[in-house]
Amino acid sequence: LATSHDQASSRGRKFPNWENELGEPSRAPLRDDRAMATTLSRAYVSVGTNRAPSAVAFAPRDARGDDVGDDDDDADVIFFAGGNACAVYDVRRARIARTVRGDGASTTTTSALATTVTAVCALGGGGVVFGDARGWCFFARDDGFAATVEASCAHASGPVRDACAVRVGARVHVVLTCADDGAVRVWRVEDGGRAATASGAVAFDAASGPLCVDITRAPSSSLHGDGDAYKYIMAVGCVDGRTRIYVCDFSALAASSASAGAEATFETCGTLDGHADWVRGVKFSPTRGEGVVFLATASQDKSARVWRIQTVALDAADGGEKESAAAFMRLAAPPKPPSALLVGRRIKTSLESLLIGHEDWVMSVAWHPDSSKMVLMTASMDRSLMLWSPTGVPSTSEEAGSELWMSTASLGEAAAVCLGYYGASFSPKGDMVLANSHGGALHVWRQTVNDEWAPEPANSGHMMEVTCLQWDAAGRWLMSGGQDQTTRVHAPWNGDAPRGWRQVARPQVHGHDIVCLATMREAEAETGTITYVSGADEKILRVFEAPGTFLG
């Protein structure tokens, strides 16, 4: 950015002389244009995470670009939903590097909810897909310097509840999204493409609307030839407490030259009953065996469940089950039909474990990325994260429930202001845990050499519009107030690394939107501000004084 001096000189007009400190005209010659240039650079971005279970996603290892090698393993990148934008967060530096917004819809609407980002899913190669409260989905790419939207598509209505993706070709991603229009939709996106093609959908009735979705390669894919390379299993959690299982065929979408009308094929293969309330999260584990994959589900009934999903041959399944099942079961149970997509095989589901330990809604589940470790993490509104693992070595036998799952660790915040966690996930290496809380903050724990989890500084900020800003009288910190009914203090952090600007305090959590504030100037100028006044929609002014813990 240039000063008006530069602009005047560029137009060939004489710029008037500057005034001195006494207000008198200065006869000093003007300085060179380059010396008068003013450069502004972004030092700090603050935004809170939106209240959604799918608001945060770690970028895969191949999403960081070629400039990050093996000597920079800690350079994790996070995409998270912040306001009406998707933020790119650098974990090592604990700062927001960039933000990317949708198609400029905020210029045509005045509603904050109309553009709130509600779901984020990271793709390979620096890509990310995020959906908003209107039902729109945006496909963006972060090249390390800027994040730009490449394509967009829309559900009939929103918000978008969840999104997941899988690569089915050298340059093709298949993205699945679910929204409040009662459908799980499939979008075909090519790397570097400028369009997202609708490639099929699964519709649900109003009583069983989808809330979450996940997908994994069918376990039988490793047992058959190339014909099964594009066979996948999809799990959809619904508001009726059930999780529905589908077999998907994406072979028509894998080729880069796929026709515009190509669509995915879906086949219903079963329903998992057991939860008594909404299913808020479903995740397939990376741990799998011969024809076996595990699925975790989280529900508002304060529990999580682990399911065993198998693809078994028809002849082997029929013989084994008839011999082991009781006589009344052989007579009453209907025959299980074979799968039309998994030729010669069918899907068999069973409950592996019921995880009870949380005291409030369980909002999300996440698996450890290391397939040799069977560790599950649950995030709950009771202000805790719990890590679960089976007592024995993971088994892939036909018998379900052969292992006892126990809680091995618990993380969280003791303060009541946390109000619970919406989502949590492991880093790609599995040595870090990230969670987003009700208050809009990111919470990070890193595993130490003693296998303990130590907290680290992370991002926080307003979740809704910022309405007022005031500097400290001594210029030491900046205070902000917003429609999320909080005031926050931002200041440079010079303690333990990483250094930089941080939110250092949240002095006020109110019951009404904050609309104005003023920092008071003390008698001694060097003291700075220790008192501020805020006003809210209730038409009352409140005066706050900094405690001794803040002043040091």
Protein backbone atom coordinates (compact mmCIF):
# COMPACT_ATOMS: atom_id res chain seq x y z
CA LEU A 1 0.00 0.00 0.00
CA ALA A 2 1.33 3.45 -0.88
CA THR A 3 0.76 6.79 0.82
CA SER A 4 -1.04 9.69 -0.82
CA HIS A 5 2.39 11.20 -1.49
CA ASP A 6 3.17 8.33 -3.86
CA GLN A 7 -0.21 8.64 -5.55
CA ALA A 8 0.18 12.39 -6.11
CA SER A 9 3.69 12.02 -7.48
CA SER A 10 2.57 9.30 -9.86
CA ARG A 11 0.00 11.67 -11.37
CA GLY A 12 2.57 14.45 -11.84
CA ARG A 13 1.00 16.84 -9.30
CA LYS A 14 2.99 18.74 -6.70
CA PHE A 15 2.30 17.52 -3.18
CA PRO A 16 1.97 20.31 -0.52
CA ASN A 17 4.70 20.66 2.09
CA TRP A 18 4.32 18.76 5.35
CA GLU A 19 3.70 20.65 8.60
CA ASN A 20 6.12 20.54 11.49
CA GLU A 21 5.27 19.64 15.07
CA LEU A 22 3.96 23.19 15.74
CA GLY A 23 1.54 23.08 12.82
CA GLU A 24 3.62 25.51 10.76
CA PRO A 25 4.46 24.81 7.11
CA SER A 26 7.71 22.90 6.79
CA ARG A 27 10.25 24.05 4.19
CA ALA A 28 12.17 20.80 4.29
CA PRO A 29 12.41 19.14 0.91
CA LEU A 30 10.17 16.15 0.30
CA ARG A 31 11.73 12.72 0.66
CA ASP A 32 12.06 10.23 -2.13
CA ASP A 33 8.87 8.35 -3.07
CA ARG A 34 10.37 5.02 -2.13
CA ALA A 35 11.23 6.32 1.34
CA MET A 36 7.62 7.42 1.82
CA ALA A 37 6.15 4.07 0.82
CA THR A 38 4.25 2.22 3.55
CA THR A 39 4.07 -1.55 3.55
CA LEU A 40 1.42 -3.41 5.50
CA SER A 41 1.74 -7.09 6.31
CA ARG A 42 -0.64 -9.38 8.12
CA ALA A 43 0.64 -10.23 11.59
CA TYR A 44 -2.32 -11.96 13.20
CA VAL A 45 -5.67 -13.50 12.31
CA SER A 46 -8.13 -14.55 15.00
CA VAL A 47 -11.30 -16.55 14.38
CA GLY A 48 -12.98 -19.26 16.42
CA THR A 49 -14.09 -22.65 15.18
CA ASN A 50 -17.75 -23.12 14.41
CA ARG A 51 -19.87 -25.39 16.58
CA ALA A 52 -19.99 -28.52 14.44
CA PRO A 53 -18.57 -32.06 14.84
CA SER A 54 -17.01 -31.90 11.36
CA ALA A 55 -15.56 -28.40 11.64
CA VAL A 56 -11.87 -29.43 11.83
CA ALA A 57 -9.76 -31.72 9.62
CA PHE A 58 -6.05 -32.50 9.51
CA ALA A 59 -4.58 -32.26 6.03
CA PRO A 60 -3.03 -35.51 4.73
CA ARG A 61 0.75 -35.70 4.47
CA ASP A 62 0.67 -35.09 0.71
CA ALA A 63 -1.32 -31.88 1.21
CA ARG A 64 1.65 -29.76 2.33
CA GLY A 65 3.44 -29.32 -0.96
CA ASP A 66 6.88 -30.35 -2.12
CA ASP A 67 8.64 -27.84 0.13
CA VAL A 68 7.92 -29.91 3.26
CA GLY A 69 10.17 -32.93 3.55
CA ASP A 70 10.97 -35.61 6.08
CA ASP A 71 12.97 -33.13 8.13
CA ASP A 72 9.84 -31.13 8.85
CA ASP A 73 7.53 -33.79 10.19
CA ASP A 74 5.91 -31.44 12.67
CA ALA A 75 4.56 -29.10 9.98
CA ASP A 76 0.97 -30.27 10.36
CA VAL A 77 -1.72 -28.30 8.56
CA ILE A 78 -5.32 -28.03 9.70
CA PHE A 79 -8.39 -26.85 7.85
CA PHE A 80 -11.16 -25.61 10.12
CA ALA A 81 -14.49 -23.85 9.76
CA GLY A 82 -14.31 -20.31 11.11
CA GLY A 83 -17.29 -18.04 10.57
CA ASN A 84 -18.07 -17.90 6.87
CA ALA A 85 -14.58 -19.05 5.82
CA CYS A 86 -12.34 -22.09 5.87
CA ALA A 87 -9.11 -21.29 7.72
CA VAL A 88 -5.70 -22.84 6.98
CA TYR A 89 -3.96 -23.30 10.33
CA ASP A 90 -0.24 -23.95 10.90
CA VAL A 91 0.03 -26.11 14.02
CA ARG A 92 3.76 -25.69 14.53
CA ARG A 93 3.56 -21.88 14.51
CA ALA A 94 0.12 -21.86 16.16
CA ARG A 95 -1.26 -19.30 13.73
CA ILE A 96 -3.76 -18.98 10.92
CA ALA A 97 -1.87 -18.78 7.64
CA ARG A 98 -4.74 -18.09 5.27
CA THR A 99 -8.52 -18.09 4.96
CA VAL A 100 -10.64 -19.01 1.95
CA ARG A 101 -14.27 -18.11 1.43
CA GLY A 102 -16.95 -19.37 -0.91
CA ASP A 103 -18.34 -17.72 -3.99
CA GLY A 104 -18.81 -14.31 -2.41
CA ALA A 105 -22.30 -15.11 -1.19
CA SER A 106 -21.84 -12.79 1.77
CA THR A 107 -22.25 -9.82 -0.58
CA THR A 108 -25.80 -10.91 -1.43
CA THR A 109 -27.10 -11.79 2.02
CA THR A 110 -27.16 -10.13 5.42
CA SER A 111 -27.69 -13.28 7.47
CA ALA A 112 -24.63 -14.59 9.29
CA LEU A 113 -26.09 -18.10 9.28
CA ALA A 114 -26.53 -18.03 5.53
CA THR A 115 -22.78 -18.43 4.97
CA THR A 116 -21.57 -20.18 8.13
CA VAL A 117 -19.23 -23.06 7.28
CA THR A 118 -20.52 -26.24 8.92
CA ALA A 119 -18.36 -29.11 7.60
CA VAL A 120 -14.75 -29.48 6.42
CA CYS A 121 -13.00 -32.41 4.75
CA ALA A 122 -9.35 -32.44 3.64
CA LEU A 123 -8.36 -33.93 0.29
CA GLY A 124 -4.97 -35.03 -0.97
CA GLY A 125 -2.65 -32.62 -2.75
CA GLY A 126 -3.65 -29.58 -0.67
CA GLY A 127 -7.34 -29.77 -1.52
CA VAL A 128 -10.23 -29.16 0.85
CA VAL A 129 -14.00 -29.31 0.57
CA PHE A 130 -16.21 -27.32 2.92
CA GLY A 131 -19.96 -26.91 3.15
CA ASP A 132 -22.03 -24.09 4.58
CA ALA A 133 -25.40 -23.55 6.22
CA ARG A 134 -27.18 -22.94 2.92
CA GLY A 135 -26.25 -26.36 1.54
CA TRP A 136 -23.46 -25.18 -0.76
CA CYS A 137 -20.21 -27.13 -1.05
CA PHE A 138 -16.95 -25.50 -2.17
CA PHE A 139 -13.83 -27.24 -3.44
CA ALA A 140 -10.65 -25.25 -2.82
CA ARG A 141 -6.93 -25.84 -3.17
CA ASP A 142 -4.12 -24.49 -0.98
CA ASP A 143 -0.78 -24.28 -2.81
CA GLY A 144 1.16 -23.01 0.21
CA PHE A 145 0.77 -19.34 -0.69
CA ALA A 146 -2.94 -18.86 -1.36
CA ALA A 147 -6.15 -20.84 -1.10
CA THR A 148 -8.65 -20.43 -3.92
CA VAL A 149 -12.05 -21.96 -4.64
CA GLU A 150 -11.99 -24.06 -7.81
CA ALA A 151 -15.54 -25.45 -7.93
CA SER A 152 -18.86 -25.36 -6.11
CA CYS A 153 -22.10 -27.33 -5.97
CA ALA A 154 -25.22 -27.34 -3.83
CA HIS A 155 -27.72 -29.46 -1.98
CA ALA A 156 -31.39 -28.54 -2.19
CA SER A 157 -31.15 -27.09 1.33
CA GLY A 158 -28.72 -26.92 4.20
CA PRO A 159 -26.81 -27.01 6.35
CA VAL A 160 -24.22 -29.49 5.14
CA ARG A 161 -23.71 -31.87 8.05
CA ASP A 162 -20.67 -33.90 7.03
CA ALA A 163 -18.31 -34.67 4.16
CA CYS A 164 -15.84 -37.40 3.31
CA ALA A 165 -13.71 -38.17 0.26
CA VAL A 166 -11.80 -40.99 -1.38
CA ARG A 167 -9.42 -41.04 -4.34
CA VAL A 168 -10.64 -43.48 -7.01
CA GLY A 169 -8.21 -42.64 -9.79
CA ALA A 170 -4.89 -41.00 -10.48
CA ARG A 171 -6.55 -37.58 -10.69
CA VAL A 172 -10.11 -38.16 -9.47
CA HIS A 173 -11.67 -37.69 -6.03
CA VAL A 174 -15.15 -38.85 -5.12
CA VAL A 175 -16.64 -36.61 -2.42
CA LEU A 176 -19.73 -37.55 -0.41
CA THR A 177 -21.73 -34.93 1.48
CA CYS A 178 -24.89 -35.14 3.57
CA ALA A 179 -27.20 -32.24 4.34
CA ASP A 180 -30.62 -31.42 5.72
CA ASP A 181 -32.26 -31.97 2.35
CA GLY A 182 -32.31 -35.64 3.37
CA ALA A 183 -29.74 -36.91 0.89
CA VAL A 184 -26.18 -38.14 0.67
CA ARG A 185 -24.82 -36.79 -2.61
CA VAL A 186 -21.80 -37.86 -4.63
CA TRP A 187 -19.56 -35.33 -6.42
CA ARG A 188 -16.80 -36.17 -8.85
CA VAL A 189 -13.84 -33.77 -8.72
CA GLU A 190 -10.72 -33.93 -10.86
CA ASP A 191 -7.40 -32.49 -9.70
CA GLY A 192 -7.04 -29.04 -11.19
CA GLY A 193 -10.59 -29.17 -12.49
CA ARG A 194 -12.93 -26.22 -12.36
CA ALA A 195 -16.15 -28.15 -11.80
CA ALA A 196 -17.72 -30.67 -9.44
CA THR A 197 -20.02 -33.10 -11.23
CA ALA A 198 -23.07 -34.56 -9.48
CA SER A 199 -22.66 -38.33 -9.74
CA GLY A 200 -25.48 -39.88 -7.76
CA ALA A 201 -27.37 -39.61 -4.50
CA VAL A 202 -29.03 -41.68 -1.79
CA ALA A 203 -32.29 -40.22 -0.48
CA PHE A 204 -33.66 -40.60 3.05
CA ASP A 205 -37.09 -39.85 4.47
CA ALA A 206 -37.69 -37.15 7.06
CA ALA A 207 -37.70 -39.61 9.97
CA SER A 208 -34.24 -40.94 9.12
CA GLY A 209 -32.33 -37.91 7.89
CA PRO A 210 -28.55 -38.31 7.51
CA LEU A 211 -26.20 -36.59 9.96
CA CYS A 212 -22.79 -38.11 9.20
CA VAL A 213 -21.13 -40.22 6.53
CA ASP A 214 -17.88 -42.12 6.02
CA ILE A 215 -16.51 -44.47 3.40
CA THR A 216 -13.77 -47.07 3.06
CA ARG A 217 -12.62 -49.61 0.52
CA ALA A 218 -14.55 -52.87 0.74
CA PRO A 219 -12.53 -55.53 2.60
CA SER A 220 -13.02 -57.97 -0.29
CA SER A 221 -11.11 -55.61 -2.61
CA SER A 222 -7.83 -57.19 -1.59
CA LEU A 223 -9.14 -60.67 -2.32
CA HIS A 224 -10.37 -60.17 -5.85
CA GLY A 225 -9.12 -58.70 -9.08
CA ASP A 226 -9.34 -55.27 -10.61
CA GLY A 227 -13.12 -55.51 -10.82
CA ASP A 228 -13.36 -54.91 -7.05
CA ALA A 229 -10.83 -52.05 -6.99
CA TYR A 230 -13.64 -49.48 -6.96
CA LYS A 231 -15.99 -51.24 -4.52
CA TYR A 232 -16.48 -49.34 -1.27
CA ILE A 233 -18.55 -49.56 1.90
CA MET A 234 -20.42 -46.44 3.03
CA ALA A 235 -21.86 -45.86 6.51
CA VAL A 236 -24.50 -43.18 7.16
CA GLY A 237 -25.57 -42.17 10.68
CA CYS A 238 -29.17 -40.99 10.94
CA VAL A 239 -31.48 -39.13 13.29
CA ASP A 240 -33.46 -42.28 14.11
CA GLY A 241 -30.45 -43.78 15.91
CA ARG A 242 -29.62 -46.21 13.13
CA THR A 243 -26.53 -46.52 10.96
CA ARG A 244 -27.17 -47.68 7.42
CA ILE A 245 -24.57 -49.63 5.45
CA TYR A 246 -24.22 -49.46 1.66
CA VAL A 247 -21.94 -51.04 -0.91
CA CYS A 248 -20.82 -48.51 -3.55
CA ASP A 249 -19.34 -48.99 -7.01
CA PHE A 250 -17.32 -46.02 -8.31
CA SER A 251 -15.84 -47.71 -11.37
CA ALA A 252 -17.83 -45.45 -13.72
CA LEU A 253 -16.23 -42.36 -12.11
CA ALA A 254 -12.61 -43.46 -11.89
CA ALA A 255 -11.47 -42.75 -15.45
CA SER A 256 -10.38 -39.20 -16.25
CA SER A 257 -12.46 -39.41 -19.41
CA ALA A 258 -15.65 -40.43 -17.62
CA SER A 259 -18.82 -39.23 -19.29
CA ALA A 260 -20.80 -36.36 -17.85
CA GLY A 261 -23.73 -38.63 -17.00
CA ALA A 262 -21.70 -41.28 -15.17
CA GLU A 263 -23.05 -42.11 -11.72
CA ALA A 264 -22.10 -44.21 -8.74
CA THR A 265 -24.05 -47.37 -7.92
CA PHE A 266 -25.37 -47.99 -4.40
CA GLU A 267 -26.72 -51.12 -2.76
CA THR A 268 -28.30 -51.32 0.70
CA CYS A 269 -26.65 -54.08 2.72
CA GLY A 270 -27.80 -53.65 6.30
CA THR A 271 -28.81 -51.48 9.23
CA LEU A 272 -27.01 -51.22 12.57
CA ASP A 273 -29.51 -50.87 15.42
CA GLY A 274 -28.65 -50.12 19.02
CA HIS A 275 -28.32 -46.38 19.61
CA ALA A 276 -31.28 -44.69 21.27
CA ASP A 277 -30.65 -41.17 19.93
CA TRP A 278 -29.12 -39.33 16.97
CA VAL A 279 -25.94 -40.84 15.54
CA ARG A 280 -23.55 -37.88 15.34
CA GLY A 281 -20.37 -39.55 14.05
CA VAL A 282 -19.29 -42.59 12.02
CA LYS A 283 -15.69 -43.55 11.19
CA PHE A 284 -14.08 -46.61 9.63
CA SER A 285 -10.82 -47.78 11.18
CA PRO A 286 -7.55 -48.19 9.26
CA THR A 287 -7.12 -51.55 11.01
CA ARG A 288 -8.52 -54.35 8.91
CA GLY A 289 -8.01 -58.02 8.30
CA GLU A 290 -8.99 -60.60 5.75
CA GLY A 291 -12.48 -59.50 4.79
CA VAL A 292 -12.97 -57.46 8.01
CA VAL A 293 -13.20 -53.74 8.74
CA PHE A 294 -14.28 -51.97 11.95
CA LEU A 295 -16.74 -49.08 12.23
CA ALA A 296 -17.17 -46.72 15.21
CA THR A 297 -20.36 -44.76 15.83
CA ALA A 298 -21.08 -41.92 18.29
CA SER A 299 -24.52 -40.99 19.55
CA GLN A 300 -26.37 -38.51 21.70
CA ASP A 301 -27.37 -41.42 23.95
CA LYS A 302 -23.98 -40.85 25.69
CA SER A 303 -22.40 -43.98 24.23
CA ALA A 304 -20.23 -45.10 21.34
CA ARG A 305 -20.20 -48.47 19.62
CA VAL A 306 -17.67 -50.45 17.63
CA TRP A 307 -19.03 -52.67 14.87
CA ARG A 308 -17.40 -55.48 12.91
CA ILE A 309 -18.25 -55.46 9.20
CA GLN A 310 -17.22 -58.48 7.15
CA THR A 311 -17.51 -59.64 3.58
CA VAL A 312 -17.97 -63.41 3.61
CA ALA A 313 -18.41 -65.97 0.87
CA LEU A 314 -21.93 -67.32 0.49
CA ASP A 315 -21.06 -70.98 0.82
CA ALA A 316 -18.79 -70.48 3.83
CA ALA A 317 -21.28 -68.19 5.58
CA ASP A 318 -24.25 -70.48 5.12
CA GLY A 319 -22.47 -73.60 6.34
CA GLY A 320 -20.77 -72.02 9.33
CA GLU A 321 -23.82 -70.15 10.57
CA LYS A 322 -26.17 -73.12 10.29
CA GLU A 323 -23.88 -75.29 12.36
CA SER A 324 -23.21 -72.71 15.11
CA ALA A 325 -26.65 -71.07 15.37
CA ALA A 326 -29.33 -72.37 17.71
CA ALA A 327 -32.23 -74.34 16.27
CA PHE A 328 -34.79 -71.58 16.74
CA MET A 329 -32.48 -69.09 15.01
CA ARG A 330 -32.06 -71.37 12.01
CA LEU A 331 -35.86 -71.51 11.69
CA ALA A 332 -36.75 -67.87 12.47
CA ALA A 333 -33.91 -65.95 10.81
CA PRO A 334 -34.61 -65.06 7.17
CA PRO A 335 -32.00 -65.99 4.59
CA LYS A 336 -29.38 -63.27 4.04
CA PRO A 337 -29.24 -62.36 0.36
CA PRO A 338 -25.95 -62.05 -1.50
CA SER A 339 -24.61 -58.69 -2.58
CA ALA A 340 -25.17 -57.83 -6.22
CA LEU A 341 -22.04 -55.67 -6.31
CA LEU A 342 -19.82 -58.06 -4.33
CA VAL A 343 -20.25 -61.05 -6.57
CA GLY A 344 -20.28 -64.30 -4.61
CA ARG A 345 -20.08 -62.53 -1.27
CA ARG A 346 -22.31 -60.69 1.16
CA ILE A 347 -22.00 -58.21 4.06
CA LYS A 348 -22.13 -59.52 7.63
CA THR A 349 -22.34 -57.09 10.57
CA SER A 350 -22.02 -57.62 14.32
CA LEU A 351 -21.48 -55.53 17.44
CA GLU A 352 -17.88 -55.59 18.64
CA SER A 353 -18.14 -53.43 21.76
CA LEU A 354 -20.35 -50.93 23.58
CA LEU A 355 -18.32 -48.03 25.03
CA ILE A 356 -19.92 -46.39 28.07
CA GLY A 357 -18.09 -43.77 30.12
CA HIS A 358 -19.19 -40.32 29.01
CA GLU A 359 -21.79 -38.37 30.98
CA ASP A 360 -23.15 -36.33 28.06
CA TRP A 361 -23.64 -36.53 24.30
CA VAL A 362 -20.85 -38.22 22.36
CA MET A 363 -20.40 -35.98 19.33
CA SER A 364 -17.64 -37.62 17.27
CA VAL A 365 -15.26 -40.56 16.97
CA ALA A 366 -11.77 -40.80 15.44
CA TRP A 367 -9.32 -43.66 14.91
CA HIS A 368 -5.56 -43.60 15.38
CA PRO A 369 -3.98 -43.44 11.88
CA ASP A 370 -1.51 -46.25 12.59
CA SER A 371 -3.19 -49.45 11.40
CA SER A 372 -1.09 -51.51 13.83
CA LYS A 373 -2.68 -49.67 16.77
CA MET A 374 -6.37 -50.08 17.38
CA VAL A 375 -7.08 -46.89 19.34
CA LEU A 376 -10.39 -45.03 19.20
CA MET A 377 -11.01 -41.49 20.48
CA THR A 378 -14.42 -40.14 21.46
CA ALA A 379 -15.31 -36.47 22.01
CA SER A 380 -18.18 -35.54 24.29
CA MET A 381 -20.08 -32.55 25.58
CA ASP A 382 -19.06 -33.57 29.11
CA ARG A 383 -15.76 -31.69 28.51
CA SER A 384 -13.66 -34.80 27.98
CA LEU A 385 -11.95 -36.84 25.29
CA MET A 386 -11.48 -40.56 25.92
CA LEU A 387 -9.09 -43.00 24.26
CA TRP A 388 -10.27 -46.60 23.98
CA SER A 389 -8.47 -49.78 22.94
CA PRO A 390 -9.10 -53.53 23.21
CA THR A 391 -7.34 -55.42 25.96
CA GLY A 392 -5.91 -58.01 23.53
CA VAL A 393 -4.40 -58.04 20.08
CA PRO A 394 -6.96 -57.04 17.39
CA SER A 395 -8.65 -60.16 16.11
CA THR A 396 -10.23 -60.83 12.72
CA SER A 397 -11.96 -64.07 13.62
CA GLU A 398 -15.62 -64.74 13.00
CA GLU A 399 -16.48 -64.36 16.68
CA ALA A 400 -17.54 -60.87 17.70
CA GLY A 401 -17.08 -59.46 21.17
CA SER A 402 -14.02 -61.59 21.93
CA GLU A 403 -12.11 -58.57 23.33
CA LEU A 404 -12.89 -56.16 26.13
CA TRP A 405 -12.52 -52.49 25.24
CA MET A 406 -11.23 -50.22 28.00
CA SER A 407 -10.51 -46.51 28.37
CA THR A 408 -6.74 -45.97 28.39
CA ALA A 409 -6.58 -42.16 28.70
CA SER A 410 -8.80 -39.16 29.25
CA LEU A 411 -8.13 -35.59 28.09
CA GLY A 412 -10.10 -32.42 28.59
CA GLU A 413 -10.60 -29.16 30.43
CA ALA A 414 -11.57 -28.86 34.08
CA ALA A 415 -12.91 -25.32 33.65
CA ALA A 416 -16.66 -24.99 33.26
CA VAL A 417 -16.27 -22.43 30.46
CA CYS A 418 -15.24 -25.18 28.02
CA LEU A 419 -18.82 -26.54 27.77
CA GLY A 420 -17.74 -29.64 25.90
CA TYR A 421 -16.14 -30.74 22.63
CA TYR A 422 -17.81 -31.09 19.26
CA GLY A 423 -15.10 -32.92 17.37
CA ALA A 424 -11.62 -34.40 17.78
CA SER A 425 -9.06 -36.05 15.52
CA PHE A 426 -5.54 -37.45 15.44
CA SER A 427 -2.71 -35.91 13.46
CA PRO A 428 -1.41 -37.91 10.46
CA LYS A 429 1.45 -39.24 12.62
CA GLY A 430 -0.82 -39.96 15.56
CA ASP A 431 1.34 -38.01 18.02
CA MET A 432 -1.08 -35.11 18.36
CA VAL A 433 -4.75 -34.74 19.31
CA LEU A 434 -6.85 -31.79 18.21
CA ALA A 435 -10.33 -30.89 19.45
CA ASN A 436 -12.72 -27.99 18.89
CA SER A 437 -14.82 -26.84 21.82
CA HIS A 438 -18.14 -25.11 22.35
CA GLY A 439 -16.36 -21.82 23.04
CA GLY A 440 -14.69 -21.73 19.62
CA ALA A 441 -11.17 -22.63 20.75
CA LEU A 442 -8.87 -25.29 19.35
CA HIS A 443 -7.35 -27.59 21.97
CA VAL A 444 -4.10 -29.40 21.15
CA TRP A 445 -2.30 -32.15 23.06
CA ARG A 446 1.00 -33.69 21.95
CA GLN A 447 2.29 -37.08 23.05
CA THR A 448 5.54 -36.95 25.02
CA VAL A 449 8.37 -39.46 25.17
CA ASN A 450 6.69 -40.92 28.28
CA ASP A 451 3.48 -41.55 26.31
CA GLU A 452 1.74 -38.77 28.21
CA TRP A 453 -0.39 -36.09 26.55
CA ALA A 454 0.80 -32.51 27.16
CA PRO A 455 -1.28 -29.45 26.15
CA GLU A 456 0.06 -26.90 23.68
CA PRO A 457 -1.02 -23.36 22.73
CA ALA A 458 -3.59 -23.18 19.96
CA ASN A 459 -5.94 -20.82 18.16
CA SER A 460 -9.03 -19.17 19.60
CA GLY A 461 -11.28 -16.29 18.65
CA HIS A 462 -14.81 -15.05 18.11
CA MET A 463 -17.34 -17.41 16.55
CA MET A 464 -19.63 -14.66 15.29
CA GLU A 465 -19.28 -11.11 14.01
CA VAL A 466 -16.82 -8.79 15.76
CA THR A 467 -18.61 -5.56 16.66
CA CYS A 468 -15.99 -3.46 18.48
CA LEU A 469 -12.23 -3.08 18.95
CA GLN A 470 -10.16 -1.04 21.40
CA TRP A 471 -6.43 -0.77 22.04
CA ASP A 472 -4.93 -0.73 25.48
CA ALA A 473 -3.96 2.81 26.49
CA ALA A 474 -0.30 1.78 26.45
CA GLY A 475 -0.63 -0.20 23.23
CA ARG A 476 0.19 -3.52 24.89
CA TRP A 477 -2.88 -5.47 23.81
CA LEU A 478 -6.07 -5.29 21.76
CA MET A 479 -9.57 -5.99 23.09
CA SER A 480 -12.47 -7.14 20.94
CA GLY A 481 -16.18 -7.75 21.49
CA GLY A 482 -18.60 -9.67 19.34
CA GLN A 483 -22.01 -11.14 18.76
CA ASP A 484 -20.89 -14.40 20.37
CA GLN A 485 -21.47 -12.53 23.66
CA THR A 486 -17.82 -12.44 24.69
CA THR A 487 -14.94 -9.97 24.97
CA ARG A 488 -11.42 -11.18 24.26
CA VAL A 489 -7.90 -9.83 24.78
CA HIS A 490 -5.22 -10.36 22.11
CA ALA A 491 -1.54 -9.67 22.77
CA PRO A 492 1.96 -10.74 21.65
CA TRP A 493 3.07 -13.93 23.34
CA ASN A 494 6.77 -13.96 24.24
CA GLY A 495 6.82 -17.05 26.41
CA ASP A 496 7.55 -20.59 25.33
CA ALA A 497 7.57 -21.20 21.58
CA PRO A 498 5.76 -20.72 19.34
CA ARG A 499 5.77 -16.97 19.79
CA GLY A 500 3.46 -14.45 18.18
CA TRP A 501 0.06 -12.90 18.75
CA ARG A 502 -2.40 -14.93 20.84
CA GLN A 503 -5.71 -14.62 22.55
CA VAL A 504 -4.53 -14.32 26.15
CA ALA A 505 -7.81 -13.73 28.00
CA ARG A 506 -11.58 -13.87 27.68
CA PRO A 507 -12.62 -11.46 30.44
CA GLN A 508 -16.36 -11.46 29.77
CA VAL A 509 -18.86 -14.15 28.82
CA HIS A 510 -22.22 -12.41 28.66
CA GLY A 511 -25.83 -13.32 28.02
CA HIS A 512 -26.31 -10.66 25.34
CA ASP A 513 -24.39 -9.60 22.24
CA ILE A 514 -21.55 -7.17 22.98
CA VAL A 515 -22.02 -4.02 20.88
CA CYS A 516 -19.48 -1.55 22.28
CA LEU A 517 -16.53 -1.26 24.65
CA ALA A 518 -14.04 1.36 25.79
CA THR A 519 -10.67 0.99 27.51
CA MET A 520 -10.03 3.46 30.31
CA ARG A 521 -6.87 5.59 30.53
CA GLU A 522 -5.32 5.51 33.98
CA ALA A 523 -3.72 8.43 35.77
CA GLU A 524 -0.25 7.05 35.12
CA ALA A 525 0.19 6.73 31.37
CA GLU A 526 2.80 4.00 31.62
CA THR A 527 0.39 1.81 33.56
CA GLY A 528 -1.86 1.29 30.58
CA THR A 529 -5.41 0.06 30.79
CA ILE A 530 -6.53 -1.98 33.76
CA THR A 531 -10.26 -1.10 33.48
CA TYR A 532 -12.70 -1.29 30.58
CA VAL A 533 -16.42 -0.65 30.03
CA SER A 534 -18.66 -2.78 27.80
CA GLY A 535 -22.19 -2.38 26.59
CA ALA A 536 -24.57 -5.02 25.29
CA ASP A 537 -28.05 -5.33 23.80
CA GLU A 538 -29.57 -5.21 27.28
CA LYS A 539 -28.72 -1.45 27.41
CA ILE A 540 -26.54 -1.76 30.53
CA LEU A 541 -22.92 -0.65 30.83
CA ARG A 542 -20.62 -2.82 32.90
CA VAL A 543 -17.18 -1.90 34.24
CA PHE A 544 -14.48 -4.56 34.60
CA GLU A 545 -11.11 -4.34 36.32
CA ALA A 546 -8.19 -6.61 35.46
CA PRO A 547 -7.30 -9.13 38.19
CA GLY A 548 -3.81 -9.51 39.58
CA THR A 549 -3.24 -12.75 37.66
CA PHE A 550 -3.64 -10.85 34.38
CA LEU A 551 -1.45 -7.93 35.40
CA GLY A 552 1.29 -10.23 36.69
